[in-house]
């Protein structure tokens, strides 16, 4: 097999249901980590207005909502794989 044809095979493999479910779970974990990071006062938080070292609760709520939506999406892909 030619070396330049392998990325196409990897892209097709990535879009299988298990891979999409795994990607959604990884995104949920990243969103939870970001929520924890933004609730801790002290470190400089990027993408904020005002005091960058204060706790930003709106960002925390946003990242928690995104994590929940990612987990719901992972659950929907899991149930479609069982059909």
Protein backbone atom coordinates (compact mmCIF):
# COMPACT_ATOMS: atom_id res chain seq x y z
CA UNK A 1 0.00 0.00 0.00
CA UNK A 2 1.24 3.45 -0.81
CA UNK A 3 2.12 5.76 2.05
CA UNK A 4 -0.12 8.58 0.83
CA UNK A 5 -3.22 6.33 0.80
CA UNK A 6 -3.05 5.55 4.53
CA UNK A 7 -4.58 8.81 5.82
CA UNK A 8 -7.76 8.03 3.88
CA UNK A 9 -8.04 4.70 5.65
CA UNK A 10 -7.45 6.39 9.01
CA UNK A 11 -10.14 8.99 8.29
CA UNK A 12 -12.64 6.27 7.41
CA UNK A 13 -11.72 4.41 10.60
CA UNK A 14 -12.20 7.55 12.71
CA UNK A 15 -15.78 8.05 11.62
CA UNK A 16 -16.96 4.69 12.85
CA UNK A 17 -19.50 4.84 15.66
CA UNK A 18 -17.09 3.75 18.38
CA UNK A 19 -14.63 6.46 17.41
CA UNK A 20 -17.28 9.18 17.41
CA UNK A 21 -18.47 8.02 20.82
CA UNK A 22 -14.88 8.03 22.10
CA UNK A 23 -14.28 11.51 20.70
CA UNK A 24 -17.44 12.80 22.41
CA UNK A 25 -16.34 11.32 25.74
CA UNK A 26 -12.86 12.84 25.37
CA UNK A 27 -14.46 16.22 24.61
CA UNK A 28 -16.62 15.91 27.73
CA UNK A 29 -13.52 15.22 29.83
CA UNK A 30 -11.75 18.24 28.33
CA UNK A 31 -14.78 20.45 29.05
CA UNK A 32 -14.88 19.28 32.69
CA UNK A 33 -11.16 20.03 33.07
CA UNK A 34 -11.70 23.50 31.61
CA UNK A 35 -14.64 24.09 33.97
CA UNK A 36 -12.46 23.20 36.94
CA UNK A 37 -9.68 25.46 35.61
CA UNK A 38 -12.01 28.47 35.26
CA UNK A 39 -13.52 28.07 38.74
CA UNK A 40 -10.09 28.25 40.44
CA UNK A 41 -9.13 31.85 41.24
CA UNK A 42 -5.49 32.75 40.80
CA UNK A 43 -4.18 31.49 37.45
CA UNK A 44 -4.60 33.72 34.44
CA UNK A 45 -7.67 32.65 32.46
CA UNK A 46 -7.55 33.33 28.72
CA UNK A 47 -10.60 34.53 26.78
CA UNK A 48 -12.07 36.47 29.70
CA UNK A 49 -13.05 40.07 30.13
CA UNK A 50 -12.30 41.90 33.33
CA UNK A 51 -9.99 40.41 35.92
CA UNK A 52 -8.21 37.42 34.29
CA UNK A 53 -7.22 35.90 37.64
CA UNK A 54 -10.72 35.81 39.19
CA UNK A 55 -13.09 32.85 39.05
CA UNK A 56 -15.37 33.05 36.01
CA UNK A 57 -18.62 31.26 36.81
CA UNK A 58 -20.27 31.93 33.45
CA UNK A 59 -17.42 30.05 31.77
CA UNK A 60 -17.81 27.23 34.27
CA UNK A 61 -21.52 26.91 33.49
CA UNK A 62 -20.79 27.01 29.76
CA UNK A 63 -18.18 24.23 29.97
CA UNK A 64 -20.42 22.08 32.18
CA UNK A 65 -23.27 22.44 29.68
CA UNK A 66 -20.92 21.53 26.82
CA UNK A 67 -19.71 18.48 28.76
CA UNK A 68 -23.27 17.32 29.37
CA UNK A 69 -24.17 17.81 25.71
CA UNK A 70 -21.09 15.84 24.68
CA UNK A 71 -22.11 12.97 26.95
CA UNK A 72 -25.65 13.06 25.57
CA UNK A 73 -24.21 12.90 22.06
CA UNK A 74 -22.02 9.98 23.06
CA UNK A 75 -25.07 8.19 24.44
CA UNK A 76 -27.02 8.76 21.21
CA UNK A 77 -24.20 7.33 19.09
CA UNK A 78 -24.00 4.34 21.44
CA UNK A 79 -27.72 3.61 21.10
CA UNK A 80 -27.59 3.92 17.30
CA UNK A 81 -24.78 1.36 17.18
CA UNK A 82 -26.95 -1.20 18.99
CA UNK A 83 -29.70 -1.09 16.35
